PDB file of N, CA and C in Angstrom:
ATOM      1  N   MET A   1       0.829  -1.180   0.000  1.00  0.00           N
ATOM      2  CA  MET A   1       0.000   0.000   0.000  1.00  0.00           C
ATOM      3  C   MET A   1       0.875   1.245   0.000  1.00  0.00           C
ATOM      4  N   PRO A   2       0.670   2.152  -0.961  1.00  0.00           N
ATOM      5  CA  PRO A   2       1.460   3.379  -0.989  1.00  0.00           C
ATOM      6  C   PRO A   2       1.093   4.309   0.173  1.00  0.00           C
ATOM      7  N   LEU A   3       2.098   4.853   0.808  1.00  0.00           N
ATOM      8  CA  LEU A   3       1.918   5.812   1.888  1.00  0.00           C
ATOM      9  C   LEU A   3       2.056   7.211   1.288  1.00  0.00           C
ATOM     10  N   VAL A   4       1.017   8.034   1.422  1.00  0.00           N
ATOM     11  CA  VAL A   4       1.036   9.392   0.880  1.00  0.00           C
ATOM     12  C   VAL A   4       0.941  10.375   2.037  1.00  0.00           C
ATOM     13  N   ARG A   5       1.783  11.406   1.968  1.00  0.00           N
ATOM     14  CA  ARG A   5       1.814  12.431   3.013  1.00  0.00           C
ATOM     15  C   ARG A   5       1.131  13.697   2.469  1.00  0.00           C
ATOM     16  N   PHE A   6       0.152  14.212   3.215  1.00  0.00           N
ATOM     17  CA  PHE A   6      -0.582  15.418   2.840  1.00  0.00           C
ATOM     18  C   PHE A   6      -0.205  16.554   3.779  1.00  0.00           C
ATOM     19  N   PRO A   7       0.078  17.752   3.224  1.00  0.00           N
ATOM     20  CA  PRO A   7       0.312  18.906   4.099  1.00  0.00           C
ATOM     21  C   PRO A   7      -0.941  19.179   4.926  1.00  0.00           C
ATOM     22  N   TYR A   8      -0.746  19.462   6.200  1.00  0.00           N
ATOM     23  CA  TYR A   8      -1.877  19.719   7.096  1.00  0.00           C
ATOM     24  C   TYR A   8      -1.392  20.641   8.201  1.00  0.00           C
ATOM     25  N   GLY A   9      -1.911  21.880   8.211  1.00  0.00           N
ATOM     26  CA  GLY A   9      -1.443  22.852   9.202  1.00  0.00           C
ATOM     27  C   GLY A   9       0.035  23.123   8.990  1.00  0.00           C
ATOM     28  N   LYS A  10       0.798  23.064  10.049  1.00  0.00           N
ATOM     29  CA  LYS A  10       2.248  23.260   9.936  1.00  0.00           C
ATOM     30  C   LYS A  10       2.984  21.940   9.752  1.00  0.00           C
ATOM     31  N   GLY A  11       2.257  20.855   9.739  1.00  0.00           N
ATOM     32  CA  GLY A  11       2.873  19.543   9.576  1.00  0.00           C
ATOM     33  C   GLY A  11       2.254  18.788   8.416  1.00  0.00           C
ATOM     34  N   SER A  12       1.980  17.522   8.642  1.00  0.00           N
ATOM     35  CA  SER A  12       1.375  16.698   7.598  1.00  0.00           C
ATOM     36  C   SER A  12       0.646  15.518   8.236  1.00  0.00           C
ATOM     37  N   ILE A  13      -0.209  14.886   7.440  1.00  0.00           N
ATOM     38  CA  ILE A  13      -0.852  13.643   7.848  1.00  0.00           C
ATOM     39  C   ILE A  13      -0.545  12.610   6.771  1.00  0.00           C
ATOM     40  N   GLU A  14      -0.565  11.362   7.134  1.00  0.00           N
ATOM     41  CA  GLU A  14      -0.240  10.286   6.202  1.00  0.00           C
ATOM     42  C   GLU A  14      -1.433   9.364   6.032  1.00  0.00           C
ATOM     43  N   TYR A  15      -1.527   8.777   4.837  1.00  0.00           N
ATOM     44  CA  TYR A  15      -2.608   7.837   4.556  1.00  0.00           C
ATOM     45  C   TYR A  15      -2.074   6.725   3.670  1.00  0.00           C
ATOM     46  N   ASN A  16      -2.389   5.509   4.027  1.00  0.00           N
ATOM     47  CA  ASN A  16      -2.036   4.356   3.209  1.00  0.00           C
ATOM     48  C   ASN A  16      -3.183   4.053   2.255  1.00  0.00           C
ATOM     49  N   PHE A  17      -2.940   4.209   0.966  1.00  0.00           N
ATOM     50  CA  PHE A  17      -3.967   3.930  -0.042  1.00  0.00           C
ATOM     51  C   PHE A  17      -3.927   2.454  -0.429  1.00  0.00           C
ATOM     52  N   PRO A  18      -5.083   1.816  -0.583  1.00  0.00           N
ATOM     53  CA  PRO A  18      -5.098   0.461  -1.122  1.00  0.00           C
ATOM     54  C   PRO A  18      -4.542   0.484  -2.551  1.00  0.00           C
ATOM     55  N   ASP A  19      -3.776  -0.511  -2.917  1.00  0.00           N
ATOM     56  CA  ASP A  19      -3.152  -0.558  -4.245  1.00  0.00           C
ATOM     57  C   ASP A  19      -4.152  -0.363  -5.381  1.00  0.00           C
ATOM     58  N   LYS A  20      -5.319  -0.954  -5.266  1.00  0.00           N
ATOM     59  CA  LYS A  20      -6.286  -0.866  -6.355  1.00  0.00           C
ATOM     60  C   LYS A  20      -6.903   0.531  -6.486  1.00  0.00           C
ATOM     61  N   ARG A  21      -6.716   1.406  -5.496  1.00  0.00           N
ATOM     62  CA  ARG A  21      -7.288   2.751  -5.541  1.00  0.00           C
ATOM     63  C   ARG A  21      -6.226   3.829  -5.758  1.00  0.00           C
ATOM     64  N   PHE A  22      -4.981   3.426  -6.008  1.00  0.00           N
ATOM     65  CA  PHE A  22      -3.882   4.383  -6.148  1.00  0.00           C
ATOM     66  C   PHE A  22      -3.311   4.308  -7.563  1.00  0.00           C
ATOM     67  N   ASN A  23      -3.359   5.459  -8.275  1.00  0.00           N
ATOM     68  CA  ASN A  23      -2.807   5.510  -9.630  1.00  0.00           C
ATOM     69  C   ASN A  23      -1.497   6.264  -9.701  1.00  0.00           C
ATOM     70  N   GLY A  24      -1.245   7.152  -8.770  1.00  0.00           N
ATOM     71  CA  GLY A  24      -0.018   7.927  -8.786  1.00  0.00           C
ATOM     72  C   GLY A  24      -0.112   9.111  -7.855  1.00  0.00           C
ATOM     73  N   GLU A  25       0.999   9.791  -7.697  1.00  0.00           N
ATOM     74  CA  GLU A  25       1.074  10.938  -6.789  1.00  0.00           C
ATOM     75  C   GLU A  25       1.719  12.112  -7.510  1.00  0.00           C
ATOM     76  N   LEU A  26       1.073  13.268  -7.466  1.00  0.00           N
ATOM     77  CA  LEU A  26       1.645  14.490  -8.003  1.00  0.00           C
ATOM     78  C   LEU A  26       2.326  15.225  -6.854  1.00  0.00           C
ATOM     79  N   VAL A  27       3.580  15.575  -7.033  1.00  0.00           N
ATOM     80  CA  VAL A  27       4.348  16.205  -5.968  1.00  0.00           C
ATOM     81  C   VAL A  27       4.721  17.623  -6.390  1.00  0.00           C
ATOM     82  N   SER A  28       4.368  18.602  -5.577  1.00  0.00           N
ATOM     83  CA  SER A  28       4.687  20.000  -5.851  1.00  0.00           C
ATOM     84  C   SER A  28       6.143  20.279  -5.504  1.00  0.00           C
ATOM     85  N   ARG A  29       6.756  21.109  -6.321  1.00  0.00           N
ATOM     86  CA  ARG A  29       8.121  21.560  -6.034  1.00  0.00           C
ATOM     87  C   ARG A  29       8.126  23.048  -5.668  1.00  0.00           C
ATOM     88  N   LEU A  30       6.958  23.537  -5.201  1.00  0.00           N
ATOM     89  CA  LEU A  30       6.814  24.946  -4.875  1.00  0.00           C
ATOM     90  C   LEU A  30       7.815  25.393  -3.818  1.00  0.00           C
ATOM     91  N   THR A  31       8.101  24.553  -2.863  1.00  0.00           N
ATOM     92  CA  THR A  31       9.033  24.949  -1.795  1.00  0.00           C
ATOM     93  C   THR A  31      10.449  25.143  -2.318  1.00  0.00           C
ATOM     94  N   ALA A  32      10.770  24.568  -3.473  1.00  0.00           N
ATOM     95  CA  ALA A  32      12.102  24.713  -4.052  1.00  0.00           C
ATOM     96  C   ALA A  32      12.190  25.913  -4.996  1.00  0.00           C
ATOM     97  N   TYR A  33      11.047  26.579  -5.294  1.00  0.00           N
ATOM     98  CA  TYR A  33      11.045  27.710  -6.228  1.00  0.00           C
ATOM     99  C   TYR A  33      11.747  28.914  -5.629  1.00  0.00           C
ATOM    100  N   ARG A  34      12.600  29.530  -6.402  1.00  0.00           N
ATOM    101  CA  ARG A  34      13.270  30.758  -5.996  1.00  0.00           C
ATOM    102  C   ARG A  34      12.972  31.806  -7.066  1.00  0.00           C
ATOM    103  N   ALA A  35      12.330  32.886  -6.668  1.00  0.00           N
ATOM    104  CA  ALA A  35      11.972  33.952  -7.611  1.00  0.00           C
ATOM    105  C   ALA A  35      13.234  34.572  -8.200  1.00  0.00           C
ATOM    106  N   PRO A  36      13.179  34.943  -9.490  1.00  0.00           N
ATOM    107  CA  PRO A  36      14.361  35.515 -10.128  1.00  0.00           C
ATOM    108  C   PRO A  36      14.657  36.945  -9.699  1.00  0.00           C
ATOM    109  N   CYS A  37      13.682  37.606  -9.032  1.00  0.00           N
ATOM    110  CA  CYS A  37      13.892  38.975  -8.566  1.00  0.00           C
ATOM    111  C   CYS A  37      12.966  39.244  -7.379  1.00  0.00           C
ATOM    112  N   SER A  38      12.953  40.484  -6.903  1.00  0.00           N
ATOM    113  CA  SER A  38      12.163  40.827  -5.722  1.00  0.00           C
ATOM    114  C   SER A  38      10.664  40.798  -6.019  1.00  0.00           C
ATOM    115  N   GLN A  39       9.851  40.779  -4.956  1.00  0.00           N
ATOM    116  CA  GLN A  39       8.398  40.814  -5.114  1.00  0.00           C
ATOM    117  C   GLN A  39       7.962  42.096  -5.819  1.00  0.00           C
ATOM    118  N   GLU A  40       8.598  43.209  -5.473  1.00  0.00           N
ATOM    119  CA  GLU A  40       8.266  44.488  -6.107  1.00  0.00           C
ATOM    120  C   GLU A  40       8.534  44.418  -7.612  1.00  0.00           C
ATOM    121  N   GLN A  41       9.667  43.864  -7.996  1.00  0.00           N
ATOM    122  CA  GLN A  41      10.006  43.767  -9.411  1.00  0.00           C
ATOM    123  C   GLN A  41       9.073  42.797 -10.137  1.00  0.00           C
ATOM    124  N   LEU A  42       8.699  41.691  -9.496  1.00  0.00           N
ATOM    125  CA  LEU A  42       7.757  40.755 -10.105  1.00  0.00           C
ATOM    126  C   LEU A  42       6.408  41.423 -10.368  1.00  0.00           C
ATOM    127  N   ALA A  43       5.915  42.207  -9.398  1.00  0.00           N
ATOM    128  CA  ALA A  43       4.651  42.921  -9.565  1.00  0.00           C
ATOM    129  C   ALA A  43       4.764  43.962 -10.676  1.00  0.00           C
ATOM    130  N   ARG A  44       5.868  44.674 -10.719  1.00  0.00           N
ATOM    131  CA  ARG A  44       6.083  45.693 -11.752  1.00  0.00           C
ATOM    132  C   ARG A  44       6.094  45.053 -13.148  1.00  0.00           C
ATOM    133  N   GLU A  45       6.792  43.935 -13.297  1.00  0.00           N
ATOM    134  CA  GLU A  45       6.846  43.226 -14.576  1.00  0.00           C
ATOM    135  C   GLU A  45       5.465  42.743 -15.003  1.00  0.00           C
ATOM    136  N   ALA A  46       4.676  42.237 -14.041  1.00  0.00           N
ATOM    137  CA  ALA A  46       3.331  41.742 -14.355  1.00  0.00           C
ATOM    138  C   ALA A  46       2.428  42.874 -14.830  1.00  0.00           C
ATOM    139  N   ILE A  47       2.546  44.038 -14.237  1.00  0.00           N
ATOM    140  CA  ILE A  47       1.731  45.183 -14.641  1.00  0.00           C
ATOM    141  C   ILE A  47       2.181  45.716 -16.001  1.00  0.00           C
ATOM    142  N   GLU A  48       3.487  45.747 -16.230  1.00  0.00           N
ATOM    143  CA  GLU A  48       4.009  46.260 -17.493  1.00  0.00           C
ATOM    144  C   GLU A  48       3.805  45.299 -18.664  1.00  0.00           C
ATOM    145  N   HIS A  49       3.765  43.986 -18.378  1.00  0.00           N
ATOM    146  CA  HIS A  49       3.643  42.991 -19.444  1.00  0.00           C
ATOM    147  C   HIS A  49       2.567  41.958 -19.085  1.00  0.00           C
ATOM    148  N   PRO A  50       1.279  42.372 -19.090  1.00  0.00           N
ATOM    149  CA  PRO A  50       0.213  41.424 -18.733  1.00  0.00           C
ATOM    150  C   PRO A  50       0.064  40.318 -19.789  1.00  0.00           C
ATOM    151  N   ILE A  51      -0.475  39.201 -19.377  1.00  0.00           N
ATOM    152  CA  ILE A  51      -0.666  38.059 -20.274  1.00  0.00           C
ATOM    153  C   ILE A  51      -2.139  37.988 -20.667  1.00  0.00           C
ATOM    154  N   GLY A  52      -2.424  38.115 -21.941  1.00  0.00           N
ATOM    155  CA  GLY A  52      -3.781  37.926 -22.446  1.00  0.00           C
ATOM    156  C   GLY A  52      -4.729  39.099 -22.325  1.00  0.00           C
ATOM    157  N   VAL A  53      -4.260  40.236 -21.815  1.00  0.00           N
ATOM    158  CA  VAL A  53      -5.107  41.433 -21.706  1.00  0.00           C
ATOM    159  C   VAL A  53      -4.253  42.652 -22.054  1.00  0.00           C
ATOM    160  N   PRO A  54      -4.913  43.788 -22.402  1.00  0.00           N
ATOM    161  CA  PRO A  54      -4.143  45.008 -22.659  1.00  0.00           C
ATOM    162  C   PRO A  54      -3.470  45.507 -21.381  1.00  0.00           C
ATOM    163  N   ARG A  55      -2.540  46.413 -21.543  1.00  0.00           N
ATOM    164  CA  ARG A  55      -1.873  47.021 -20.381  1.00  0.00           C
ATOM    165  C   ARG A  55      -2.890  47.768 -19.535  1.00  0.00           C
ATOM    166  N   LEU A  56      -2.613  47.907 -18.266  1.00  0.00           N
ATOM    167  CA  LEU A  56      -3.500  48.584 -17.332  1.00  0.00           C
ATOM    168  C   LEU A  56      -3.795  50.012 -17.781  1.00  0.00           C
ATOM    169  N   SER A  57      -2.790  50.712 -18.280  1.00  0.00           N
ATOM    170  CA  SER A  57      -2.989  52.094 -18.729  1.00  0.00           C
ATOM    171  C   SER A  57      -3.992  52.166 -19.883  1.00  0.00           C
ATOM    172  N   VAL A  58      -4.003  51.163 -20.757  1.00  0.00           N
ATOM    173  CA  VAL A  58      -4.950  51.124 -21.870  1.00  0.00           C
ATOM    174  C   VAL A  58      -6.358  50.822 -21.356  1.00  0.00           C
ATOM    175  N   MET A  59      -6.486  49.868 -20.432  1.00  0.00           N
ATOM    176  CA  MET A  59      -7.799  49.514 -19.898  1.00  0.00           C
ATOM    177  C   MET A  59      -8.407  50.656 -19.083  1.00  0.00           C
ATOM    178  N   ALA A  60      -7.568  51.529 -18.497  1.00  0.00           N
ATOM    179  CA  ALA A  60      -8.060  52.616 -17.651  1.00  0.00           C
ATOM    180  C   ALA A  60      -8.412  53.877 -18.433  1.00  0.00           C
ATOM    181  N   GLU A  61      -8.089  53.916 -19.715  1.00  0.00           N
ATOM    182  CA  GLU A  61      -8.377  55.111 -20.512  1.00  0.00           C
ATOM    183  C   GLU A  61      -9.867  55.437 -20.484  1.00  0.00           C
ATOM    184  N   GLY A  62     -10.175  56.720 -20.203  1.00  0.00           N
ATOM    185  CA  GLY A  62     -11.568  57.166 -20.199  1.00  0.00           C
ATOM    186  C   GLY A  62     -12.361  56.793 -18.959  1.00  0.00           C
ATOM    187  N   LYS A  63     -11.754  56.111 -18.019  1.00  0.00           N
ATOM    188  CA  LYS A  63     -12.445  55.696 -16.800  1.00  0.00           C
ATOM    189  C   LYS A  63     -12.227  56.733 -15.709  1.00  0.00           C
ATOM    190  N   LYS A  64     -13.216  56.883 -14.843  1.00  0.00           N
ATOM    191  CA  LYS A  64     -13.091  57.821 -13.713  1.00  0.00           C
ATOM    192  C   LYS A  64     -12.573  57.110 -12.462  1.00  0.00           C
ATOM    193  N   ASN A  65     -12.909  55.823 -12.314  1.00  0.00           N
ATOM    194  CA  ASN A  65     -12.505  55.056 -11.131  1.00  0.00           C
ATOM    195  C   ASN A  65     -11.845  53.749 -11.584  1.00  0.00           C
ATOM    196  N   VAL A  66     -10.827  53.355 -10.858  1.00  0.00           N
ATOM    197  CA  VAL A  66     -10.131  52.101 -11.159  1.00  0.00           C
ATOM    198  C   VAL A  66      -9.881  51.382  -9.846  1.00  0.00           C
ATOM    199  N   VAL A  67     -10.156  50.082  -9.833  1.00  0.00           N
ATOM    200  CA  VAL A  67      -9.867  49.260  -8.660  1.00  0.00           C
ATOM    201  C   VAL A  67      -8.906  48.156  -9.087  1.00  0.00           C
ATOM    202  N   ILE A  68      -7.825  48.004  -8.367  1.00  0.00           N
ATOM    203  CA  ILE A  68      -6.847  46.950  -8.644  1.00  0.00           C
ATOM    204  C   ILE A  68      -6.831  46.002  -7.463  1.00  0.00           C
ATOM    205  N   ILE A  69      -7.070  44.743  -7.751  1.00  0.00           N
ATOM    206  CA  ILE A  69      -7.061  43.726  -6.675  1.00  0.00           C
ATOM    207  C   ILE A  69      -5.875  42.815  -6.893  1.00  0.00           C
TER     208      ILE A  69
END
């Protein structure tokens, strides 16, 4: 039986899956990710080069109020 560890709170919990109910495990490598620059620079790059939408300055043209979340 495969033993799978799930993140839970600040630790984890484990569960043994029956072989017939286990097809595989996807493992995140998020904890190993290191950003190529600061959070401020990442936010600036995202605003300057959005994916799939016009730039913020273009979307705000002619508007009186703008909300950024």
